[in-house]
Amino acid sequence: MPLTVIDTNETKRLRVIDEAGNADPGLLTAMPDGLYKRFFEDITLARAFNQRALSLQREGRIGTYASILGQEASQVGTALAFESTDWIVPSFRESGVFLSMGYPMGLLYRYWMGDERGMRCPEGLHIFPMSVPVGSQISQATGIGMAMRYRGDKKAVGAYFGDGGSSRGDFHEGINMAGVFKAPVVFLCQNNQWAISVPRSRQTAARSIAQRGASYGVEGIQVDGNDVAAVYKATSEAVAKAKSGNGPTLIECHTYRLDDHTTSDDASRYRDKEEVEEWKKREPLIRLRLFMEKKGLWTQAYEDEVLKKAAAQVDEAVKTAEAMPPPQAQEIIQYTNKELSPRQRRELKGMGG
């Protein structure tokens, strides 16, 4: 018998706004002008937060920090596509996601100061603590999505990870189970091209991370991760699909990490300066500014006001974070479980709690 083709996979790539600020009008129909201003203001705020965090680390006022410079569109564009009732499961490089979802900036700085109370999510938000072990949060997100489906909740889960996370077994296990059980999960891979010092080309021979979804029966799409409009559009459609009961989506945000992996890293030891300079020309704020200027939505006065407001918010957040009293030993026990176990109650009593 001759060989027959049982399946084919055509992985699509989405871009709405190009690097010169030109847009496909057919892809902009559902995006009001106010949304572009929200994109611009959130990216500016995320960048201001990031720059201050780097400065604080150099001054010894916070610990090791993971910069988001260059990846703001992939974070803001995805975060704004979710509702506050949805669940967000982040990795350790999602500061921009936290801010766009309305997480208190002071708490976020406090977390980077080494205080786990910074990840005590306020009421009304559904954001899990940042996951430092690479990829471990992916299967957890699938479990949350499966629970939602069993309960009949019309909600979605956003699972964030990097290209390095997609090389872990947790990714394959999590996305496989999500595909089998049609879990309402949007898998969001921020492909910033480097897993610390390992380039994407040394992680997989596949042409894209997005195409991996097909092997698990999950739709995959690659988006220009520096085009915030494309990121938002793809994520919004995936969220709607998840909530309608049509299963998960894998979105690969093709972006770039302009800074070191963390403040403990020196990327110049393994990355060419020319590569970084080329990606700087493609960073998200440049093209969004060009696009908004063509639409009459941007002026220098507007940007100056946005920068001033962001700086004031950052100043206030740092004051709030540094004014928090030190954590008490009892808090290690108090917030581990929803209800204290008999052993935890005994330990808490021994601490005078």
Foldseek 3Di string as FASTA:
>chain_A
DDDDDPDDDDAAEDDAAALLLDGDVVLCVPPDPVVLVLLLLLLLLLVLLQVVLLVCCVVVQFDKAFGCFLQLLLQLLQLVLFDQPAAEEAARHRPSSCVNSPQQLLLVRLVRNVACSSQVGDPSHHYHRHHHPQQPRLLVLLVVQLVCVVVVHLYAYEYEHELVNCLDPSVVVNLLSQLVSQRRYEYEYAHQQDPQQDGSVNRDVDPDSQRVSVVSVAHGHEYQSLRSSRSNVVSNVSSNCSSVSNGYYYYYHHIHDLDHRIPVGDNVVRDDPVVSVVRVSSRNNSNSQSNCVVVVNDDPVVVVVSNVVSNVSSVVSNVSNVPDDDDDPLVVQPPPDPDHDPVNVVVSVVSVD
